[in-house]
Amino acid sequence: MRIAAALLLLCLPSLAASQAPGAKEIFEEGQEAQRAGNYQLAAAKFAEALRLDPQLIAARANLAVAYSSLGRFDEAIEQYQLALARFPENFDLRRNLALVYYKKGAFAEAAALFLALVKLVSSDFLIFRDE
């Protein structure tokens, strides 16, 4: 009897872990909520996914989108900055951060970020002129 009880106690954590959704599943639930326009639920799901896996950058970026959609611009900016700390050259993160600054009315910050993006993109193109 004691052996059975001990085995059950050893198995309980693994059973609970197999039943509890992981960060990726919660992230997917957040995406569904975001697609449905439920940004409050989406933000909660993305935050929960990040609690489980702080390195899940897609959850961080989508949390920023949800915060921006809710008008929580400072929180969106913070999430984009955290994501950019890991991926500083990511064009989409940088553009979206600039857009949040613009939506917030912080036009100088937005303009500086947009200008940096234009310089980044324009260096990838060759300009041909007739001479």
N, C-alpha and C. Protein backbone atom coordinates (compact mmCIF):
# COMPACT_ATOMS: atom_id res chain seq x y z
N MET A 1 0.82 -1.20 0.00
CA MET A 1 0.00 0.00 0.00
C MET A 1 0.86 1.26 0.00
N ARG A 2 1.90 1.25 0.83
CA ARG A 2 2.77 2.43 0.88
C ARG A 2 3.50 2.62 -0.44
N ILE A 3 3.87 1.54 -1.07
CA ILE A 3 4.57 1.63 -2.35
C ILE A 3 3.64 2.23 -3.40
N ALA A 4 2.40 1.81 -3.42
CA ALA A 4 1.43 2.37 -4.39
C ALA A 4 1.22 3.85 -4.15
N ALA A 5 1.12 4.24 -2.89
CA ALA A 5 0.94 5.66 -2.56
C ALA A 5 2.16 6.46 -2.97
N ALA A 6 3.34 5.91 -2.74
CA ALA A 6 4.58 6.59 -3.12
C ALA A 6 4.68 6.74 -4.63
N LEU A 7 4.29 5.70 -5.36
CA LEU A 7 4.31 5.77 -6.83
C LEU A 7 3.31 6.81 -7.33
N LEU A 8 2.15 6.86 -6.70
CA LEU A 8 1.15 7.85 -7.10
C LEU A 8 1.68 9.26 -6.88
N LEU A 9 2.32 9.49 -5.74
CA LEU A 9 2.88 10.82 -5.46
C LEU A 9 3.97 11.18 -6.46
N LEU A 10 4.75 10.21 -6.88
CA LEU A 10 5.79 10.47 -7.87
C LEU A 10 5.19 10.79 -9.24
N CYS A 11 4.06 10.20 -9.55
CA CYS A 11 3.43 10.40 -10.86
C CYS A 11 2.61 11.67 -10.95
N LEU A 12 2.14 12.20 -9.82
CA LEU A 12 1.26 13.37 -9.85
C LEU A 12 1.87 14.58 -10.56
N PRO A 13 3.12 14.95 -10.28
CA PRO A 13 3.67 16.11 -11.00
C PRO A 13 3.70 15.91 -12.51
N SER A 14 4.03 14.72 -12.95
CA SER A 14 4.09 14.51 -14.41
C SER A 14 2.70 14.50 -15.01
N LEU A 15 1.72 13.99 -14.27
CA LEU A 15 0.33 14.03 -14.77
C LEU A 15 -0.16 15.47 -14.88
N ALA A 16 0.12 16.26 -13.87
CA ALA A 16 -0.31 17.66 -13.90
C ALA A 16 0.37 18.40 -15.04
N ALA A 17 1.64 18.12 -15.26
CA ALA A 17 2.36 18.80 -16.33
C ALA A 17 1.80 18.42 -17.69
N SER A 18 1.40 17.16 -17.85
CA SER A 18 0.88 16.74 -19.14
C SER A 18 -0.51 17.31 -19.41
N GLN A 19 -1.25 17.66 -18.36
CA GLN A 19 -2.59 18.21 -18.53
C GLN A 19 -2.58 19.72 -18.67
N ALA A 20 -1.63 20.39 -18.06
CA ALA A 20 -1.57 21.84 -18.12
C ALA A 20 -1.03 22.27 -19.48
N PRO A 21 -1.67 23.27 -20.07
CA PRO A 21 -1.17 23.74 -21.36
C PRO A 21 0.18 24.43 -21.20
N GLY A 22 1.03 24.26 -22.19
CA GLY A 22 2.34 24.87 -22.18
C GLY A 22 2.30 26.27 -22.77
N ALA A 23 3.45 26.91 -22.79
CA ALA A 23 3.55 28.28 -23.28
C ALA A 23 3.09 28.41 -24.73
N LYS A 24 3.44 27.45 -25.56
CA LYS A 24 3.07 27.54 -26.97
C LYS A 24 1.57 27.39 -27.17
N GLU A 25 0.95 26.50 -26.39
CA GLU A 25 -0.51 26.35 -26.50
C GLU A 25 -1.23 27.60 -26.02
N ILE A 26 -0.75 28.17 -24.93
CA ILE A 26 -1.35 29.41 -24.42
C ILE A 26 -1.13 30.54 -25.41
N PHE A 27 0.06 30.58 -26.02
CA PHE A 27 0.34 31.58 -27.05
C PHE A 27 -0.67 31.45 -28.20
N GLU A 28 -0.93 30.23 -28.63
CA GLU A 28 -1.90 30.00 -29.72
C GLU A 28 -3.30 30.45 -29.32
N GLU A 29 -3.67 30.24 -28.06
CA GLU A 29 -4.96 30.74 -27.57
C GLU A 29 -5.00 32.27 -27.63
N GLY A 30 -3.87 32.88 -27.32
CA GLY A 30 -3.77 34.34 -27.41
C GLY A 30 -3.93 34.82 -28.84
N GLN A 31 -3.33 34.09 -29.78
CA GLN A 31 -3.48 34.45 -31.19
C GLN A 31 -4.94 34.36 -31.63
N GLU A 32 -5.63 33.33 -31.19
CA GLU A 32 -7.05 33.18 -31.53
C GLU A 32 -7.85 34.34 -30.97
N ALA A 33 -7.59 34.70 -29.73
CA ALA A 33 -8.30 35.83 -29.12
C ALA A 33 -7.99 37.13 -29.86
N GLN A 34 -6.74 37.29 -30.26
CA GLN A 34 -6.35 38.50 -30.98
C GLN A 34 -7.04 38.58 -32.34
N ARG A 35 -7.10 37.45 -33.05
CA ARG A 35 -7.79 37.42 -34.34
C ARG A 35 -9.27 37.74 -34.19
N ALA A 36 -9.85 37.35 -33.05
CA ALA A 36 -11.26 37.61 -32.79
C ALA A 36 -11.49 39.04 -32.28
N GLY A 37 -10.41 39.79 -32.09
CA GLY A 37 -10.54 41.17 -31.62
C GLY A 37 -10.66 41.30 -30.11
N ASN A 38 -10.45 40.22 -29.38
CA ASN A 38 -10.51 40.25 -27.92
C ASN A 38 -9.10 40.50 -27.39
N TYR A 39 -8.69 41.77 -27.42
CA TYR A 39 -7.31 42.13 -27.07
C TYR A 39 -7.02 41.97 -25.58
N GLN A 40 -8.04 42.14 -24.76
CA GLN A 40 -7.85 41.96 -23.32
C GLN A 40 -7.48 40.50 -23.01
N LEU A 41 -8.24 39.56 -23.58
CA LEU A 41 -7.94 38.15 -23.38
C LEU A 41 -6.61 37.79 -24.04
N ALA A 42 -6.37 38.32 -25.22
CA ALA A 42 -5.11 38.05 -25.91
C ALA A 42 -3.92 38.50 -25.06
N ALA A 43 -4.00 39.70 -24.50
CA ALA A 43 -2.91 40.20 -23.65
C ALA A 43 -2.69 39.28 -22.45
N ALA A 44 -3.78 38.82 -21.84
CA ALA A 44 -3.65 37.92 -20.69
C ALA A 44 -2.99 36.60 -21.10
N LYS A 45 -3.36 36.07 -22.25
CA LYS A 45 -2.78 34.81 -22.73
C LYS A 45 -1.31 34.98 -23.05
N PHE A 46 -0.95 36.06 -23.74
CA PHE A 46 0.44 36.29 -24.10
C PHE A 46 1.30 36.50 -22.85
N ALA A 47 0.76 37.22 -21.86
CA ALA A 47 1.49 37.43 -20.61
C ALA A 47 1.70 36.10 -19.88
N GLU A 48 0.69 35.25 -19.88
CA GLU A 48 0.82 33.94 -19.26
C GLU A 48 1.85 33.09 -20.00
N ALA A 49 1.83 33.13 -21.32
CA ALA A 49 2.82 32.38 -22.10
C ALA A 49 4.23 32.86 -21.75
N LEU A 50 4.40 34.15 -21.59
CA LEU A 50 5.71 34.70 -21.24
C LEU A 50 6.12 34.33 -19.82
N ARG A 51 5.15 34.22 -18.94
CA ARG A 51 5.47 33.78 -17.58
C ARG A 51 6.05 32.36 -17.62
N LEU A 52 5.49 31.53 -18.49
CA LEU A 52 5.97 30.16 -18.62
C LEU A 52 7.26 30.05 -19.42
N ASP A 53 7.43 30.94 -20.41
CA ASP A 53 8.62 30.91 -21.26
C ASP A 53 9.00 32.34 -21.64
N PRO A 54 9.82 32.99 -20.80
CA PRO A 54 10.19 34.39 -21.06
C PRO A 54 10.94 34.62 -22.37
N GLN A 55 11.44 33.55 -22.99
CA GLN A 55 12.19 33.68 -24.24
C GLN A 55 11.30 33.57 -25.47
N LEU A 56 10.01 33.44 -25.30
CA LEU A 56 9.08 33.29 -26.42
C LEU A 56 8.80 34.68 -27.01
N ILE A 57 9.68 35.10 -27.92
CA ILE A 57 9.64 36.45 -28.46
C ILE A 57 8.34 36.73 -29.22
N ALA A 58 7.79 35.74 -29.89
CA ALA A 58 6.53 35.94 -30.60
C ALA A 58 5.43 36.33 -29.62
N ALA A 59 5.43 35.76 -28.44
CA ALA A 59 4.44 36.13 -27.42
C ALA A 59 4.67 37.56 -26.96
N ARG A 60 5.93 37.94 -26.81
CA ARG A 60 6.25 39.31 -26.37
C ARG A 60 5.81 40.33 -27.43
N ALA A 61 6.09 40.04 -28.69
CA ALA A 61 5.70 40.95 -29.77
C ALA A 61 4.18 41.04 -29.87
N ASN A 62 3.49 39.93 -29.74
CA ASN A 62 2.03 39.95 -29.82
C ASN A 62 1.41 40.59 -28.59
N LEU A 63 2.06 40.47 -27.44
CA LEU A 63 1.60 41.18 -26.25
C LEU A 63 1.68 42.69 -26.49
N ALA A 64 2.75 43.12 -27.13
CA ALA A 64 2.89 44.54 -27.46
C ALA A 64 1.78 44.98 -28.41
N VAL A 65 1.45 44.16 -29.40
CA VAL A 65 0.36 44.49 -30.32
C VAL A 65 -0.96 44.60 -29.56
N ALA A 66 -1.22 43.65 -28.67
CA ALA A 66 -2.47 43.68 -27.90
C ALA A 66 -2.52 44.93 -27.02
N TYR A 67 -1.42 45.24 -26.34
CA TYR A 67 -1.37 46.45 -25.51
C TYR A 67 -1.62 47.70 -26.35
N SER A 68 -1.00 47.77 -27.51
CA SER A 68 -1.20 48.92 -28.39
C SER A 68 -2.66 49.03 -28.80
N SER A 69 -3.28 47.92 -29.13
CA SER A 69 -4.69 47.92 -29.54
C SER A 69 -5.61 48.36 -28.41
N LEU A 70 -5.16 48.15 -27.17
CA LEU A 70 -5.93 48.56 -26.00
C LEU A 70 -5.62 50.00 -25.58
N GLY A 71 -4.70 50.64 -26.30
CA GLY A 71 -4.29 51.99 -25.94
C GLY A 71 -3.31 52.04 -24.78
N ARG A 72 -2.73 50.92 -24.43
CA ARG A 72 -1.75 50.84 -23.35
C ARG A 72 -0.35 50.97 -23.96
N PHE A 73 -0.07 52.18 -24.46
CA PHE A 73 1.11 52.41 -25.28
C PHE A 73 2.42 52.24 -24.52
N ASP A 74 2.48 52.71 -23.28
CA ASP A 74 3.73 52.57 -22.53
C ASP A 74 4.09 51.11 -22.31
N GLU A 75 3.08 50.28 -22.05
CA GLU A 75 3.33 48.85 -21.86
C GLU A 75 3.74 48.20 -23.19
N ALA A 76 3.14 48.65 -24.28
CA ALA A 76 3.52 48.13 -25.60
C ALA A 76 4.97 48.49 -25.90
N ILE A 77 5.33 49.72 -25.64
CA ILE A 77 6.71 50.17 -25.87
C ILE A 77 7.69 49.33 -25.05
N GLU A 78 7.35 49.08 -23.80
CA GLU A 78 8.22 48.26 -22.95
C GLU A 78 8.41 46.86 -23.53
N GLN A 79 7.34 46.25 -24.02
CA GLN A 79 7.44 44.90 -24.58
C GLN A 79 8.29 44.90 -25.86
N TYR A 80 8.08 45.90 -26.72
CA TYR A 80 8.91 45.98 -27.93
C TYR A 80 10.38 46.18 -27.58
N GLN A 81 10.66 47.01 -26.58
CA GLN A 81 12.05 47.24 -26.19
C GLN A 81 12.69 45.96 -25.64
N LEU A 82 11.92 45.19 -24.87
CA LEU A 82 12.44 43.91 -24.37
C LEU A 82 12.72 42.95 -25.52
N ALA A 83 11.82 42.91 -26.50
CA ALA A 83 12.04 42.04 -27.66
C ALA A 83 13.25 42.50 -28.47
N LEU A 84 13.38 43.81 -28.63
CA LEU A 84 14.50 44.34 -29.40
C LEU A 84 15.84 44.16 -28.68
N ALA A 85 15.81 44.01 -27.38
CA ALA A 85 17.05 43.73 -26.65
C ALA A 85 17.62 42.38 -27.10
N ARG A 86 16.75 41.47 -27.48
CA ARG A 86 17.20 40.16 -27.99
C ARG A 86 17.46 40.17 -29.47
N PHE A 87 16.65 40.93 -30.22
CA PHE A 87 16.76 40.97 -31.68
C PHE A 87 16.80 42.42 -32.15
N PRO A 88 17.92 43.11 -31.92
CA PRO A 88 17.98 44.55 -32.19
C PRO A 88 17.84 44.93 -33.66
N GLU A 89 18.10 44.04 -34.57
CA GLU A 89 18.01 44.36 -36.00
C GLU A 89 16.69 43.92 -36.63
N ASN A 90 15.75 43.44 -35.85
CA ASN A 90 14.49 42.96 -36.40
C ASN A 90 13.67 44.13 -36.92
N PHE A 91 13.47 44.15 -38.22
CA PHE A 91 12.79 45.27 -38.88
C PHE A 91 11.35 45.43 -38.38
N ASP A 92 10.62 44.33 -38.29
CA ASP A 92 9.21 44.40 -37.88
C ASP A 92 9.06 44.95 -36.46
N LEU A 93 9.91 44.49 -35.55
CA LEU A 93 9.85 45.00 -34.18
C LEU A 93 10.14 46.49 -34.13
N ARG A 94 11.14 46.91 -34.88
CA ARG A 94 11.51 48.33 -34.91
C ARG A 94 10.41 49.18 -35.52
N ARG A 95 9.82 48.70 -36.62
CA ARG A 95 8.72 49.44 -37.27
C ARG A 95 7.52 49.54 -36.34
N ASN A 96 7.18 48.43 -35.71
CA ASN A 96 6.01 48.45 -34.82
C ASN A 96 6.24 49.33 -33.60
N LEU A 97 7.46 49.36 -33.10
CA LEU A 97 7.78 50.28 -32.00
C LEU A 97 7.58 51.72 -32.45
N ALA A 98 8.05 52.04 -33.64
CA ALA A 98 7.86 53.39 -34.18
C ALA A 98 6.37 53.72 -34.30
N LEU A 99 5.58 52.77 -34.75
CA LEU A 99 4.14 52.98 -34.89
C LEU A 99 3.46 53.23 -33.54
N VAL A 100 3.91 52.54 -32.50
CA VAL A 100 3.34 52.76 -31.17
C VAL A 100 3.69 54.15 -30.67
N TYR A 101 4.94 54.56 -30.88
CA TYR A 101 5.29 55.93 -30.50
C TYR A 101 4.41 56.94 -31.25
N TYR A 102 4.17 56.69 -32.52
CA TYR A 102 3.31 57.57 -33.32
C TYR A 102 1.89 57.60 -32.75
N LYS A 103 1.32 56.42 -32.47
CA LYS A 103 -0.03 56.35 -31.91
C LYS A 103 -0.12 57.05 -30.57
N LYS A 104 0.96 56.98 -29.80
CA LYS A 104 1.02 57.62 -28.49
C LYS A 104 1.10 59.13 -28.61
N GLY A 105 1.50 59.62 -29.78
CA GLY A 105 1.68 61.05 -29.97
C GLY A 105 3.09 61.50 -29.70
N ALA A 106 4.00 60.56 -29.54
CA ALA A 106 5.42 60.85 -29.31
C ALA A 106 6.09 60.92 -30.69
N PHE A 107 5.82 62.02 -31.39
CA PHE A 107 6.21 62.12 -32.79
C PHE A 107 7.72 62.21 -33.00
N ALA A 108 8.44 62.83 -32.10
CA ALA A 108 9.90 62.92 -32.25
C ALA A 108 10.53 61.52 -32.18
N GLU A 109 10.09 60.71 -31.21
CA GLU A 109 10.61 59.36 -31.08
C GLU A 109 10.25 58.51 -32.29
N ALA A 110 8.98 58.66 -32.73
CA ALA A 110 8.53 57.90 -33.91
C ALA A 110 9.34 58.30 -35.14
N ALA A 111 9.53 59.59 -35.33
CA ALA A 111 10.27 60.06 -36.51
C ALA A 111 11.71 59.55 -36.50
N ALA A 112 12.35 59.57 -35.35
CA ALA A 112 13.73 59.09 -35.26
C ALA A 112 13.81 57.61 -35.62
N LEU A 113 12.86 56.83 -35.14
CA LEU A 113 12.86 55.40 -35.45
C LEU A 113 12.54 55.15 -36.92
N PHE A 114 11.57 55.88 -37.46
CA PHE A 114 11.25 55.73 -38.88
C PHE A 114 12.43 56.13 -39.76
N LEU A 115 13.12 57.20 -39.40
CA LEU A 115 14.28 57.64 -40.17
C LEU A 115 15.38 56.57 -40.15
N ALA A 116 15.61 55.97 -39.00
CA ALA A 116 16.61 54.90 -38.91
C ALA A 116 16.21 53.72 -39.80
N LEU A 117 14.92 53.43 -39.87
CA LEU A 117 14.46 52.33 -40.73
C LEU A 117 14.64 52.66 -42.20
N VAL A 118 14.36 53.91 -42.57
CA VAL A 118 14.54 54.32 -43.96
C VAL A 118 16.01 54.19 -44.36
N LYS A 119 16.89 54.61 -43.48
CA LYS A 119 18.32 54.49 -43.76
C LYS A 119 18.73 53.03 -43.89
N LEU A 120 18.17 52.19 -43.04
CA LEU A 120 18.48 50.77 -43.08
C LEU A 120 18.01 50.15 -44.40
N VAL A 121 16.79 50.46 -44.80
CA VAL A 121 16.23 49.88 -46.02
C VAL A 121 16.88 50.47 -47.26
N SER A 122 17.11 51.77 -47.26
CA SER A 122 17.67 52.40 -48.46
C SER A 122 19.08 51.92 -48.74
N SER A 123 19.79 51.45 -47.74
CA SER A 123 21.14 50.94 -47.98
C SER A 123 21.10 49.60 -48.69
N ASP A 124 19.94 48.97 -48.73
CA ASP A 124 19.79 47.68 -49.42
C ASP A 124 19.49 47.83 -50.91
N PHE A 125 19.23 49.04 -51.35
CA PHE A 125 18.84 49.26 -52.74
C PHE A 125 19.92 50.03 -53.49
N LEU A 126 20.06 49.70 -54.74
CA LEU A 126 20.95 50.47 -55.60
C LEU A 126 20.11 51.49 -56.35
N ILE A 127 20.61 52.67 -56.43
CA ILE A 127 19.88 53.72 -57.15
C ILE A 127 20.60 53.95 -58.46
N PHE A 128 19.84 53.83 -59.54
CA PHE A 128 20.41 54.03 -60.87
C PHE A 128 19.98 55.40 -61.40
N ARG A 129 20.92 56.07 -62.00
CA ARG A 129 20.62 57.38 -62.60
C ARG A 129 21.10 57.38 -64.03
N ASP A 130 20.39 58.12 -64.86
CA ASP A 130 20.88 58.34 -66.22
C ASP A 130 21.89 59.46 -66.17
N GLU A 131 23.03 59.23 -66.76
CA GLU A 131 24.04 60.29 -66.75
C GLU A 131 24.34 60.72 -68.13
